[in-house]
Amino acid sequence: MAYTVVWYDRQGIIDKVTFDAEKTAKAHAVSMFATRKGDDGVVSVEVRKDSGAVVFSHAEN
């Protein structure tokens, strides 16, 4: 099953990255959030299953 990390800025989706494992996708989202926030203006991130169900999310103002 694939898991997609979806990055959002204030305008909407700015990037999507696909991983094979949920644990890897979550680790990527957590470890890259601060960097993406500073570099790209990211305000939230989600990890979604193929079905579209959100399995992890994080947001900051």
PDB file of N, CA and C in Angstrom:
ATOM      1  N   MET A   1       0.845  -1.179   0.000  1.00  0.00           N
ATOM      2  CA  MET A   1       0.000   0.000   0.000  1.00  0.00           C
ATOM      3  C   MET A   1       0.890   1.242   0.000  1.00  0.00           C
ATOM      4  N   ALA A   2       0.517   2.218  -0.786  1.00  0.00           N
ATOM      5  CA  ALA A   2       1.282   3.466  -0.852  1.00  0.00           C
ATOM      6  C   ALA A   2       0.689   4.495   0.111  1.00  0.00           C
ATOM      7  N   TYR A   3       1.566   5.320   0.630  1.00  0.00           N
ATOM      8  CA  TYR A   3       1.180   6.427   1.511  1.00  0.00           C
ATOM      9  C   TYR A   3       1.724   7.709   0.906  1.00  0.00           C
ATOM     10  N   THR A   4       0.889   8.718   0.837  1.00  0.00           N
ATOM     11  CA  THR A   4       1.277   9.982   0.233  1.00  0.00           C
ATOM     12  C   THR A   4       1.368  11.064   1.296  1.00  0.00           C
ATOM     13  N   VAL A   5       2.505  11.754   1.314  1.00  0.00           N
ATOM     14  CA  VAL A   5       2.696  12.909   2.183  1.00  0.00           C
ATOM     15  C   VAL A   5       2.275  14.121   1.365  1.00  0.00           C
ATOM     16  N   VAL A   6       1.303  14.867   1.884  1.00  0.00           N
ATOM     17  CA  VAL A   6       0.761  16.028   1.174  1.00  0.00           C
ATOM     18  C   VAL A   6       1.125  17.287   1.960  1.00  0.00           C
ATOM     19  N   TRP A   7       1.845  18.192   1.315  1.00  0.00           N
ATOM     20  CA  TRP A   7       2.287  19.441   1.936  1.00  0.00           C
ATOM     21  C   TRP A   7       1.372  20.573   1.512  1.00  0.00           C
ATOM     22  N   TYR A   8       0.952  21.417   2.467  1.00  0.00           N
ATOM     23  CA  TYR A   8       0.043  22.538   2.208  1.00  0.00           C
ATOM     24  C   TYR A   8       0.678  23.862   2.636  1.00  0.00           C
ATOM     25  N   ASP A   9       0.439  24.904   1.834  1.00  0.00           N
ATOM     26  CA  ASP A   9       0.705  26.263   2.293  1.00  0.00           C
ATOM     27  C   ASP A   9      -0.656  26.942   2.442  1.00  0.00           C
ATOM     28  N   ARG A  10      -0.689  28.230   2.628  1.00  0.00           N
ATOM     29  CA  ARG A  10      -1.965  28.914   2.853  1.00  0.00           C
ATOM     30  C   ARG A  10      -2.872  28.904   1.614  1.00  0.00           C
ATOM     31  N   GLN A  11      -2.318  28.635   0.444  1.00  0.00           N
ATOM     32  CA  GLN A  11      -3.100  28.603  -0.794  1.00  0.00           C
ATOM     33  C   GLN A  11      -3.633  27.220  -1.135  1.00  0.00           C
ATOM     34  N   GLY A  12      -3.046  26.156  -0.555  1.00  0.00           N
ATOM     35  CA  GLY A  12      -3.473  24.788  -0.867  1.00  0.00           C
ATOM     36  C   GLY A  12      -2.285  23.856  -0.983  1.00  0.00           C
ATOM     37  N   ILE A  13      -2.458  22.790  -1.742  1.00  0.00           N
ATOM     38  CA  ILE A  13      -1.419  21.769  -1.907  1.00  0.00           C
ATOM     39  C   ILE A  13      -0.246  22.343  -2.696  1.00  0.00           C
ATOM     40  N   ILE A  14       0.971  22.134  -2.153  1.00  0.00           N
ATOM     41  CA  ILE A  14       2.158  22.594  -2.879  1.00  0.00           C
ATOM     42  C   ILE A  14       3.064  21.445  -3.303  1.00  0.00           C
ATOM     43  N   ASP A  15       2.895  20.249  -2.692  1.00  0.00           N
ATOM     44  CA  ASP A  15       3.767  19.131  -3.034  1.00  0.00           C
ATOM     45  C   ASP A  15       3.162  17.839  -2.521  1.00  0.00           C
ATOM     46  N   LYS A  16       3.472  16.733  -3.217  1.00  0.00           N
ATOM     47  CA  LYS A  16       3.079  15.394  -2.788  1.00  0.00           C
ATOM     48  C   LYS A  16       4.272  14.471  -2.976  1.00  0.00           C
ATOM     49  N   VAL A  17       4.507  13.602  -1.978  1.00  0.00           N
ATOM     50  CA  VAL A  17       5.587  12.630  -2.051  1.00  0.00           C
ATOM     51  C   VAL A  17       5.017  11.282  -1.627  1.00  0.00           C
ATOM     52  N   THR A  18       5.294  10.216  -2.389  1.00  0.00           N
ATOM     53  CA  THR A  18       4.740   8.896  -2.113  1.00  0.00           C
ATOM     54  C   THR A  18       5.798   7.977  -1.500  1.00  0.00           C
ATOM     55  N   PHE A  19       5.372   7.202  -0.497  1.00  0.00           N
ATOM     56  CA  PHE A  19       6.228   6.234   0.179  1.00  0.00           C
ATOM     57  C   PHE A  19       5.528   4.881   0.228  1.00  0.00           C
ATOM     58  N   ASP A  20       6.298   3.811   0.375  1.00  0.00           N
ATOM     59  CA  ASP A  20       5.741   2.461   0.447  1.00  0.00           C
ATOM     60  C   ASP A  20       5.245   2.099   1.837  1.00  0.00           C
ATOM     61  N   ALA A  21       5.786   2.730   2.879  1.00  0.00           N
ATOM     62  CA  ALA A  21       5.448   2.367   4.257  1.00  0.00           C
ATOM     63  C   ALA A  21       4.922   3.568   5.036  1.00  0.00           C
ATOM     64  N   GLU A  22       3.919   3.328   5.859  1.00  0.00           N
ATOM     65  CA  GLU A  22       3.332   4.395   6.667  1.00  0.00           C
ATOM     66  C   GLU A  22       4.362   5.001   7.614  1.00  0.00           C
ATOM     67  N   LYS A  23       5.162   4.163   8.244  1.00  0.00           N
ATOM     68  CA  LYS A  23       6.162   4.645   9.200  1.00  0.00           C
ATOM     69  C   LYS A  23       7.162   5.582   8.526  1.00  0.00           C
ATOM     70  N   THR A  24       7.597   5.241   7.343  1.00  0.00           N
ATOM     71  CA  THR A  24       8.545   6.075   6.593  1.00  0.00           C
ATOM     72  C   THR A  24       7.909   7.403   6.201  1.00  0.00           C
ATOM     73  N   ALA A  25       6.652   7.358   5.777  1.00  0.00           N
ATOM     74  CA  ALA A  25       5.951   8.577   5.386  1.00  0.00           C
ATOM     75  C   ALA A  25       5.790   9.519   6.579  1.00  0.00           C
ATOM     76  N   LYS A  26       5.391   8.976   7.732  1.00  0.00           N
ATOM     77  CA  LYS A  26       5.234   9.798   8.938  1.00  0.00           C
ATOM     78  C   LYS A  26       6.576  10.397   9.367  1.00  0.00           C
ATOM     79  N   ALA A  27       7.630   9.581   9.339  1.00  0.00           N
ATOM     80  CA  ALA A  27       8.954  10.064   9.734  1.00  0.00           C
ATOM     81  C   ALA A  27       9.411  11.200   8.829  1.00  0.00           C
ATOM     82  N   HIS A  28       9.154  11.081   7.534  1.00  0.00           N
ATOM     83  CA  HIS A  28       9.514  12.134   6.585  1.00  0.00           C
ATOM     84  C   HIS A  28       8.739  13.418   6.890  1.00  0.00           C
ATOM     85  N   ALA A  29       7.439  13.291   7.131  1.00  0.00           N
ATOM     86  CA  ALA A  29       6.606  14.460   7.408  1.00  0.00           C
ATOM     87  C   ALA A  29       7.084  15.193   8.663  1.00  0.00           C
ATOM     88  N   VAL A  30       7.372  14.447   9.709  1.00  0.00           N
ATOM     89  CA  VAL A  30       7.804  15.054  10.978  1.00  0.00           C
ATOM     90  C   VAL A  30       9.188  15.686  10.840  1.00  0.00           C
ATOM     91  N   SER A  31      10.112  14.959  10.230  1.00  0.00           N
ATOM     92  CA  SER A  31      11.490  15.455  10.158  1.00  0.00           C
ATOM     93  C   SER A  31      11.651  16.642   9.215  1.00  0.00           C
ATOM     94  N   MET A  32      10.826  16.735   8.188  1.00  0.00           N
ATOM     95  CA  MET A  32      10.963  17.802   7.196  1.00  0.00           C
ATOM     96  C   MET A  32      10.070  19.012   7.456  1.00  0.00           C
ATOM     97  N   PHE A  33       9.151  18.927   8.425  1.00  0.00           N
ATOM     98  CA  PHE A  33       8.178  19.998   8.612  1.00  0.00           C
ATOM     99  C   PHE A  33       8.839  21.350   8.864  1.00  0.00           C
ATOM    100  N   ALA A  34       9.755  21.428   9.802  1.00  0.00           N
ATOM    101  CA  ALA A  34      10.390  22.712  10.146  1.00  0.00           C
ATOM    102  C   ALA A  34      11.134  23.297   8.949  1.00  0.00           C
ATOM    103  N   THR A  35      11.832  22.449   8.215  1.00  0.00           N
ATOM    104  CA  THR A  35      12.569  22.913   7.033  1.00  0.00           C
ATOM    105  C   THR A  35      11.617  23.424   5.961  1.00  0.00           C
ATOM    106  N   ARG A  36      10.576  22.651   5.668  1.00  0.00           N
ATOM    107  CA  ARG A  36       9.612  23.054   4.645  1.00  0.00           C
ATOM    108  C   ARG A  36       8.845  24.306   5.076  1.00  0.00           C
ATOM    109  N   LYS A  37       8.594  24.450   6.379  1.00  0.00           N
ATOM    110  CA  LYS A  37       7.899  25.632   6.888  1.00  0.00           C
ATOM    111  C   LYS A  37       8.724  26.881   6.597  1.00  0.00           C
ATOM    112  N   GLY A  38      10.022  26.815   6.883  1.00  0.00           N
ATOM    113  CA  GLY A  38      10.901  27.952   6.647  1.00  0.00           C
ATOM    114  C   GLY A  38      11.173  28.220   5.185  1.00  0.00           C
ATOM    115  N   ASP A  39      11.394  27.167   4.409  1.00  0.00           N
ATOM    116  CA  ASP A  39      11.769  27.321   3.003  1.00  0.00           C
ATOM    117  C   ASP A  39      10.582  27.570   2.076  1.00  0.00           C
ATOM    118  N   ASP A  40       9.478  26.865   2.324  1.00  0.00           N
ATOM    119  CA  ASP A  40       8.353  26.869   1.381  1.00  0.00           C
ATOM    120  C   ASP A  40       7.073  27.482   1.929  1.00  0.00           C
ATOM    121  N   GLY A  41       7.071  27.889   3.187  1.00  0.00           N
ATOM    122  CA  GLY A  41       5.861  28.463   3.775  1.00  0.00           C
ATOM    123  C   GLY A  41       4.795  27.436   4.120  1.00  0.00           C
ATOM    124  N   VAL A  42       5.211  26.194   4.337  1.00  0.00           N
ATOM    125  CA  VAL A  42       4.277  25.122   4.679  1.00  0.00           C
ATOM    126  C   VAL A  42       3.582  25.439   6.002  1.00  0.00           C
ATOM    127  N   VAL A  43       2.262  25.196   6.054  1.00  0.00           N
ATOM    128  CA  VAL A  43       1.503  25.397   7.291  1.00  0.00           C
ATOM    129  C   VAL A  43       0.939  24.089   7.828  1.00  0.00           C
ATOM    130  N   SER A  44       0.848  23.052   6.961  1.00  0.00           N
ATOM    131  CA  SER A  44       0.377  21.753   7.433  1.00  0.00           C
ATOM    132  C   SER A  44       0.851  20.644   6.506  1.00  0.00           C
ATOM    133  N   VAL A  45       0.785  19.415   7.062  1.00  0.00           N
ATOM    134  CA  VAL A  45       1.170  18.232   6.301  1.00  0.00           C
ATOM    135  C   VAL A  45       0.242  17.092   6.696  1.00  0.00           C
ATOM    136  N   GLU A  46      -0.080  16.238   5.734  1.00  0.00           N
ATOM    137  CA  GLU A  46      -0.893  15.053   5.988  1.00  0.00           C
ATOM    138  C   GLU A  46      -0.231  13.839   5.369  1.00  0.00           C
ATOM    139  N   VAL A  47      -0.473  12.675   5.985  1.00  0.00           N
ATOM    140  CA  VAL A  47      -0.106  11.398   5.383  1.00  0.00           C
ATOM    141  C   VAL A  47      -1.422  10.697   5.082  1.00  0.00           C
ATOM    142  N   ARG A  48      -1.595  10.303   3.822  1.00  0.00           N
ATOM    143  CA  ARG A  48      -2.837   9.661   3.384  1.00  0.00           C
ATOM    144  C   ARG A  48      -2.575   8.282   2.796  1.00  0.00           C
ATOM    145  N   LYS A  49      -3.502   7.357   3.047  1.00  0.00           N
ATOM    146  CA  LYS A  49      -3.487   6.044   2.414  1.00  0.00           C
ATOM    147  C   LYS A  49      -3.952   6.183   0.973  1.00  0.00           C
ATOM    148  N   ASP A  50      -3.816   5.112   0.203  1.00  0.00           N
ATOM    149  CA  ASP A  50      -4.324   5.091  -1.176  1.00  0.00           C
ATOM    150  C   ASP A  50      -5.807   5.423  -1.229  1.00  0.00           C
ATOM    151  N   SER A  51      -6.539   5.002  -0.208  1.00  0.00           N
ATOM    152  CA  SER A  51      -7.987   5.230  -0.173  1.00  0.00           C
ATOM    153  C   SER A  51      -8.338   6.696   0.089  1.00  0.00           C
ATOM    154  N   GLY A  52      -7.359   7.503   0.473  1.00  0.00           N
ATOM    155  CA  GLY A  52      -7.592   8.906   0.780  1.00  0.00           C
ATOM    156  C   GLY A  52      -7.741   9.188   2.259  1.00  0.00           C
ATOM    157  N   ALA A  53      -7.819   8.128   3.070  1.00  0.00           N
ATOM    158  CA  ALA A  53      -7.962   8.302   4.516  1.00  0.00           C
ATOM    159  C   ALA A  53      -6.694   8.918   5.104  1.00  0.00           C
ATOM    160  N   VAL A  54      -6.859   9.919   5.956  1.00  0.00           N
ATOM    161  CA  VAL A  54      -5.731  10.574   6.612  1.00  0.00           C
ATOM    162  C   VAL A  54      -5.307   9.720   7.804  1.00  0.00           C
ATOM    163  N   VAL A  55      -4.022   9.341   7.845  1.00  0.00           N
ATOM    164  CA  VAL A  55      -3.505   8.543   8.953  1.00  0.00           C
ATOM    165  C   VAL A  55      -2.625   9.362   9.884  1.00  0.00           C
ATOM    166  N   PHE A  56      -2.227  10.565   9.437  1.00  0.00           N
ATOM    167  CA  PHE A  56      -1.401  11.460  10.257  1.00  0.00           C
ATOM    168  C   PHE A  56      -1.555  12.863   9.715  1.00  0.00           C
ATOM    169  N   SER A  57      -1.604  13.845  10.618  1.00  0.00           N
ATOM    170  CA  SER A  57      -1.599  15.240  10.185  1.00  0.00           C
ATOM    171  C   SER A  57      -0.913  16.098  11.236  1.00  0.00           C
ATOM    172  N   HIS A  58      -0.338  17.201  10.770  1.00  0.00           N
ATOM    173  CA  HIS A  58       0.326  18.147  11.667  1.00  0.00           C
ATOM    174  C   HIS A  58       0.174  19.532  11.051  1.00  0.00           C
ATOM    175  N   ALA A  59      -0.113  20.511  11.916  1.00  0.00           N
ATOM    176  CA  ALA A  59      -0.265  21.889  11.437  1.00  0.00           C
ATOM    177  C   ALA A  59       0.268  22.856  12.481  1.00  0.00           C
ATOM    178  N   GLU A  60       0.764  23.982  11.997  1.00  0.00           N
ATOM    179  CA  GLU A  60       1.222  25.077  12.853  1.00  0.00           C
ATOM    180  C   GLU A  60       0.815  26.386  12.200  1.00  0.00           C
ATOM    181  N   ASN A  61       0.594  27.393  13.028  1.00  0.00           N
ATOM    182  CA  ASN A  61       0.242  28.718  12.501  1.00  0.00           C
ATOM    183  C   ASN A  61       1.473  29.488  12.118  1.00  0.00           C
TER     184      ASN A  61
END
